[in-house]
PDB file of N, CA and C in Angstrom:
ATOM      1  N   MET A   1       4.179 -31.392   5.058  1.00  0.00           N
ATOM      2  CA  MET A   1       3.447 -30.207   5.502  1.00  0.00           C
ATOM      3  C   MET A   1       4.093 -28.789   4.265  1.00  0.00           C
ATOM      4  N   ALA A   2       2.966 -28.283   3.778  1.00  0.00           N
ATOM      5  CA  ALA A   2       3.251 -27.555   2.779  1.00  0.00           C
ATOM      6  C   ALA A   2       4.145 -26.476   2.858  1.00  0.00           C
ATOM      7  N   GLU A   3       4.996 -26.073   2.493  1.00  0.00           N
ATOM      8  CA  GLU A   3       6.071 -24.871   2.775  1.00  0.00           C
ATOM      9  C   GLU A   3       4.805 -23.428   2.527  1.00  0.00           C
ATOM     10  N   LYS A   4       5.554 -22.559   3.710  1.00  0.00           N
ATOM     11  CA  LYS A   4       4.859 -21.450   3.731  1.00  0.00           C
ATOM     12  C   LYS A   4       5.652 -20.601   2.279  1.00  0.00           C
ATOM     13  N   PRO A   5       4.536 -19.361   1.777  1.00  0.00           N
ATOM     14  CA  PRO A   5       4.967 -18.897   0.181  1.00  0.00           C
ATOM     15  C   PRO A   5       5.961 -17.943   0.840  1.00  0.00           C
ATOM     16  N   LYS A   6       7.274 -17.641  -0.183  1.00  0.00           N
ATOM     17  CA  LYS A   6       7.843 -16.351   0.368  1.00  0.00           C
ATOM     18  C   LYS A   6       7.905 -15.450  -0.603  1.00  0.00           C
ATOM     19  N   TYR A   7       8.125 -14.287  -0.075  1.00  0.00           N
ATOM     20  CA  TYR A   7       7.956 -13.143  -0.953  1.00  0.00           C
ATOM     21  C   TYR A   7       8.931 -12.326  -0.888  1.00  0.00           C
ATOM     22  N   THR A   8       9.393 -11.779  -2.385  1.00  0.00           N
ATOM     23  CA  THR A   8      10.562 -11.229  -2.507  1.00  0.00           C
ATOM     24  C   THR A   8      10.431  -9.286  -2.132  1.00  0.00           C
ATOM     25  N   PRO A   9      11.521  -8.879  -1.333  1.00  0.00           N
ATOM     26  CA  PRO A   9      11.237  -7.255  -1.110  1.00  0.00           C
ATOM     27  C   PRO A   9      10.416  -6.763  -2.695  1.00  0.00           C
ATOM     28  N   GLY A  10      10.213  -5.826  -1.605  1.00  0.00           N
ATOM     29  CA  GLY A  10       9.216  -4.828  -3.046  1.00  0.00           C
ATOM     30  C   GLY A  10       8.107  -4.857  -3.621  1.00  0.00           C
ATOM     31  N   THR A  11       7.687  -6.443  -3.573  1.00  0.00           N
ATOM     32  CA  THR A  11       6.349  -6.826  -3.476  1.00  0.00           C
ATOM     33  C   THR A  11       5.667  -6.452  -3.062  1.00  0.00           C
ATOM     34  N   PRO A  12       4.220  -6.151  -3.441  1.00  0.00           N
ATOM     35  CA  PRO A  12       2.972  -5.631  -2.125  1.00  0.00           C
ATOM     36  C   PRO A  12       3.135  -6.605  -1.721  1.00  0.00           C
ATOM     37  N   ALA A  13       2.301  -6.408   0.182  1.00  0.00           N
ATOM     38  CA  ALA A  13       2.294  -7.516   1.312  1.00  0.00           C
ATOM     39  C   ALA A  13       0.853  -7.910   0.393  1.00  0.00           C
ATOM     40  N   PRO A  14       0.384  -9.352   1.171  1.00  0.00           N
ATOM     41  CA  PRO A  14      -0.668 -10.189   0.465  1.00  0.00           C
ATOM     42  C   PRO A  14      -1.476  -9.682   1.935  1.00  0.00           C
ATOM     43  N   LYS A  15      -1.211  -9.486   2.734  1.00  0.00           N
ATOM     44  CA  LYS A  15      -1.899  -9.718   4.168  1.00  0.00           C
ATOM     45  C   LYS A  15      -0.884  -8.819   4.843  1.00  0.00           C
ATOM     46  N   SER A  16      -1.271  -7.628   6.038  1.00  0.00           N
ATOM     47  CA  SER A  16      -1.408  -7.124   6.869  1.00  0.00           C
ATOM     48  C   SER A  16      -0.815  -8.402   8.074  1.00  0.00           C
ATOM     49  N   GLY A  17       0.620  -7.895   8.263  1.00  0.00           N
ATOM     50  CA  GLY A  17       0.863  -8.170   9.681  1.00  0.00           C
ATOM     51  C   GLY A  17       2.522  -8.197   9.724  1.00  0.00           C
ATOM     52  N   GLN A  18       2.902  -9.565  10.885  1.00  0.00           N
ATOM     53  CA  GLN A  18       4.298  -9.651  10.990  1.00  0.00           C
ATOM     54  C   GLN A  18       5.344 -10.073   9.601  1.00  0.00           C
ATOM     55  N   TYR A  19       6.362 -10.208   9.256  1.00  0.00           N
ATOM     56  CA  TYR A  19       6.656 -11.080   8.282  1.00  0.00           C
ATOM     57  C   TYR A  19       8.460 -11.410   9.029  1.00  0.00           C
ATOM     58  N   LYS A  20       8.943 -12.753   8.541  1.00  0.00           N
ATOM     59  CA  LYS A  20      10.137 -13.263   8.996  1.00  0.00           C
ATOM     60  C   LYS A  20      10.842 -12.968   7.495  1.00  0.00           C
ATOM     61  N   VAL A  21      11.664 -12.602   8.242  1.00  0.00           N
ATOM     62  CA  VAL A  21      13.204 -12.660   7.171  1.00  0.00           C
ATOM     63  C   VAL A  21      13.642 -13.907   7.154  1.00  0.00           C
ATOM     64  N   VAL A  22      13.632 -14.691   5.870  1.00  0.00           N
ATOM     65  CA  VAL A  22      14.233 -15.933   5.780  1.00  0.00           C
ATOM     66  C   VAL A  22      15.610 -15.250   4.287  1.00  0.00           C
ATOM     67  N   GLY A  23      16.734 -16.331   4.679  1.00  0.00           N
ATOM     68  CA  GLY A  23      18.021 -16.188   4.089  1.00  0.00           C
ATOM     69  C   GLY A  23      17.460 -17.149   2.220  1.00  0.00           C
ATOM     70  N   PRO A  24      18.565 -17.343   1.644  1.00  0.00           N
ATOM     71  CA  PRO A  24      18.571 -17.899   0.167  1.00  0.00           C
ATOM     72  C   PRO A  24      18.086 -19.441   0.549  1.00  0.00           C
ATOM     73  N   ARG A  25      18.271 -20.097   1.306  1.00  0.00           N
ATOM     74  CA  ARG A  25      18.029 -21.334   1.597  1.00  0.00           C
ATOM     75  C   ARG A  25      16.828 -21.232   2.628  1.00  0.00           C
ATOM     76  N   GLY A  26      16.327 -20.409   3.060  1.00  0.00           N
ATOM     77  CA  GLY A  26      15.318 -21.122   4.288  1.00  0.00           C
ATOM     78  C   GLY A  26      15.412 -20.478   5.409  1.00  0.00           C
ATOM     79  N   GLY A  27      16.470 -20.126   5.706  1.00  0.00           N
ATOM     80  CA  GLY A  27      17.015 -20.314   6.966  1.00  0.00           C
ATOM     81  C   GLY A  27      16.631 -18.950   7.890  1.00  0.00           C
ATOM     82  N   ASP A  28      16.114 -18.955   9.302  1.00  0.00           N
ATOM     83  CA  ASP A  28      15.654 -18.323   9.401  1.00  0.00           C
ATOM     84  C   ASP A  28      17.024 -16.931   9.990  1.00  0.00           C
ATOM     85  N   ARG A  29      16.487 -15.514   9.638  1.00  0.00           N
ATOM     86  CA  ARG A  29      17.287 -14.386   9.892  1.00  0.00           C
ATOM     87  C   ARG A  29      17.521 -13.770  11.330  1.00  0.00           C
ATOM     88  N   GLY A  30      15.977 -14.135  12.329  1.00  0.00           N
ATOM     89  CA  GLY A  30      16.453 -13.624  13.656  1.00  0.00           C
ATOM     90  C   GLY A  30      15.814 -12.296  13.743  1.00  0.00           C
ATOM     91  N   ARG A  31      15.001 -11.885  12.451  1.00  0.00           N
ATOM     92  CA  ARG A  31      14.423 -10.293  12.240  1.00  0.00           C
ATOM     93  C   ARG A  31      13.396 -10.433  11.607  1.00  0.00           C
ATOM     94  N   GLU A  32      12.468  -9.656  11.896  1.00  0.00           N
ATOM     95  CA  GLU A  32      10.744  -9.791  11.451  1.00  0.00           C
ATOM     96  C   GLU A  32      10.497  -7.824  11.024  1.00  0.00           C
ATOM     97  N   VAL A  33       9.640  -7.744  10.064  1.00  0.00           N
ATOM     98  CA  VAL A  33       9.177  -6.916   9.816  1.00  0.00           C
ATOM     99  C   VAL A  33       7.949  -6.470   9.699  1.00  0.00           C
ATOM    100  N   SER A  34       6.914  -4.977   9.878  1.00  0.00           N
ATOM    101  CA  SER A  34       5.514  -4.803   9.913  1.00  0.00           C
ATOM    102  C   SER A  34       5.412  -4.765   8.674  1.00  0.00           C
ATOM    103  N   SER A  35       4.555  -5.164   8.287  1.00  0.00           N
ATOM    104  CA  SER A  35       4.092  -4.189   6.736  1.00  0.00           C
ATOM    105  C   SER A  35       2.375  -4.308   6.760  1.00  0.00           C
ATOM    106  N   THR A  36       1.798  -3.354   5.609  1.00  0.00           N
ATOM    107  CA  THR A  36       0.607  -3.472   5.982  1.00  0.00           C
ATOM    108  C   THR A  36      -0.277  -4.188   4.324  1.00  0.00           C
ATOM    109  N   GLU A  37      -1.010  -4.169   4.296  1.00  0.00           N
ATOM    110  CA  GLU A  37      -1.754  -5.367   3.382  1.00  0.00           C
ATOM    111  C   GLU A  37      -1.662  -3.850   1.514  1.00  0.00           C
ATOM    112  N   GLY A  38      -1.099  -4.761   0.765  1.00  0.00           N
ATOM    113  CA  GLY A  38      -1.107  -3.458  -0.549  1.00  0.00           C
ATOM    114  C   GLY A  38       0.548  -2.318  -0.263  1.00  0.00           C
ATOM    115  N   ASN A  39       1.113  -2.731   0.695  1.00  0.00           N
ATOM    116  CA  ASN A  39       2.381  -1.916   0.649  1.00  0.00           C
ATOM    117  C   ASN A  39       3.599  -2.604   0.563  1.00  0.00           C
ATOM    118  N   PRO A  40       4.515  -1.886  -0.397  1.00  0.00           N
ATOM    119  CA  PRO A  40       5.598  -2.810  -0.937  1.00  0.00           C
ATOM    120  C   PRO A  40       6.375  -3.194   0.644  1.00  0.00           C
ATOM    121  N   LEU A  41       6.995  -4.765   0.320  1.00  0.00           N
ATOM    122  CA  LEU A  41       7.775  -5.384   1.354  1.00  0.00           C
ATOM    123  C   LEU A  41       8.977  -4.674   1.314  1.00  0.00           C
ATOM    124  N   PRO A  42       9.677  -4.317   2.142  1.00  0.00           N
ATOM    125  CA  PRO A  42      10.849  -3.090   2.426  1.00  0.00           C
ATOM    126  C   PRO A  42      12.325  -4.061   2.098  1.00  0.00           C
ATOM    127  N   PRO A  43      13.054  -2.990   1.297  1.00  0.00           N
ATOM    128  CA  PRO A  43      14.819  -3.743   1.297  1.00  0.00           C
ATOM    129  C   PRO A  43      15.029  -4.979   1.620  1.00  0.00           C
ATOM    130  N   ALA A  44      16.083  -5.713   1.342  1.00  0.00           N
ATOM    131  CA  ALA A  44      16.344  -6.826   2.497  1.00  0.00           C
ATOM    132  C   ALA A  44      17.661  -6.850   1.535  1.00  0.00           C
ATOM    133  N   GLN A  45      18.265  -7.888   2.410  1.00  0.00           N
ATOM    134  CA  GLN A  45      20.208  -8.442   1.794  1.00  0.00           C
ATOM    135  C   GLN A  45      19.653  -8.763   0.563  1.00  0.00           C
ATOM    136  N   LYS A  46      20.893  -9.072  -0.383  1.00  0.00           N
ATOM    137  CA  LYS A  46      20.564 -10.236  -1.161  1.00  0.00           C
ATOM    138  C   LYS A  46      20.390 -11.192  -0.790  1.00  0.00           C
ATOM    139  N   GLY A  47      19.033 -11.636  -1.643  1.00  0.00           N
ATOM    140  CA  GLY A  47      19.070 -13.139  -1.250  1.00  0.00           C
ATOM    141  C   GLY A  47      17.995 -13.764  -0.673  1.00  0.00           C
ATOM    142  N   GLU A  48      17.602 -12.679   0.282  1.00  0.00           N
ATOM    143  CA  GLU A  48      16.382 -12.629   1.372  1.00  0.00           C
ATOM    144  C   GLU A  48      15.211 -12.325   0.928  1.00  0.00           C
ATOM    145  N   ARG A  49      14.135 -13.350   1.754  1.00  0.00           N
ATOM    146  CA  ARG A  49      12.952 -12.970   1.306  1.00  0.00           C
ATOM    147  C   ARG A  49      11.965 -13.174   2.354  1.00  0.00           C
ATOM    148  N   TYR A  50      10.798 -12.853   2.526  1.00  0.00           N
ATOM    149  CA  TYR A  50       9.690 -12.461   3.497  1.00  0.00           C
ATOM    150  C   TYR A  50       8.893 -13.827   3.584  1.00  0.00           C
ATOM    151  N   VAL A  51       8.159 -14.021   4.693  1.00  0.00           N
ATOM    152  CA  VAL A  51       7.585 -15.373   5.120  1.00  0.00           C
ATOM    153  C   VAL A  51       6.337 -14.773   6.617  1.00  0.00           C
ATOM    154  N   LEU A  52       4.853 -15.026   5.881  1.00  0.00           N
ATOM    155  CA  LEU A  52       4.103 -14.157   6.104  1.00  0.00           C
ATOM    156  C   LEU A  52       4.171 -15.252   7.646  1.00  0.00           C
ATOM    157  N   ASN A  53       4.602 -14.509   9.250  1.00  0.00           N
ATOM    158  CA  ASN A  53       4.692 -14.717  10.287  1.00  0.00           C
ATOM    159  C   ASN A  53       3.575 -14.917  11.568  1.00  0.00           C
ATOM    160  N   ASP A  54       2.535 -13.952  11.378  1.00  0.00           N
ATOM    161  CA  ASP A  54       1.238 -13.995  12.240  1.00  0.00           C
ATOM    162  C   ASP A  54       0.993 -12.808  11.487  1.00  0.00           C
ATOM    163  N   ALA A  55      -0.155 -12.980  10.642  1.00  0.00           N
ATOM    164  CA  ALA A  55      -0.980 -12.145  10.278  1.00  0.00           C
ATOM    165  C   ALA A  55      -1.951 -11.078  11.302  1.00  0.00           C
ATOM    166  N   THR A  56      -2.459  -9.959  10.923  1.00  0.00           N
ATOM    167  CA  THR A  56      -3.187  -8.950  11.919  1.00  0.00           C
ATOM    168  C   THR A  56      -4.840  -9.755  11.660  1.00  0.00           C
ATOM    169  N   ARG A  57      -4.837  -9.729  12.842  1.00  0.00           N
ATOM    170  CA  ARG A  57      -6.208  -9.992  12.831  1.00  0.00           C
ATOM    171  C   ARG A  57      -7.644  -8.365  13.860  1.00  0.00           C
ATOM    172  N   HIS A  58      -8.183  -8.396  12.957  1.00  0.00           N
ATOM    173  CA  HIS A  58      -9.122  -7.205  13.048  1.00  0.00           C
ATOM    174  C   HIS A  58     -10.515  -7.749  13.419  1.00  0.00           C
ATOM    175  N   LYS A  59     -10.921  -6.971  14.460  1.00  0.00           N
ATOM    176  CA  LYS A  59     -11.821  -7.683  15.051  1.00  0.00           C
ATOM    177  C   LYS A  59     -13.168  -6.692  14.059  1.00  0.00           C
ATOM    178  N   ARG A  60     -14.199  -7.438  13.869  1.00  0.00           N
ATOM    179  CA  ARG A  60     -15.285  -6.566  13.029  1.00  0.00           C
ATOM    180  C   ARG A  60     -16.476  -5.998  14.202  1.00  0.00           C
ATOM    181  N   LYS A  61     -17.098  -4.483  13.960  1.00  0.00           N
ATOM    182  CA  LYS A  61     -17.970  -4.034  14.617  1.00  0.00           C
ATOM    183  C   LYS A  61     -19.568  -4.569  14.197  1.00  0.00           C
TER     184      LYS A  61
END
């Protein structure tokens, strides 16, 4: 199984959704943040990264 990409704090979010906070070795920190596409991911503690956990689904009209 391929590993999900990790995003650093301050980079623009590639997709809208919930991002899980992971530690420097990839361990789950037990927190999630919401971000919208194009907006920068929030600051985090040293070495922490974000992984897209649940992308927002939009209904087309």
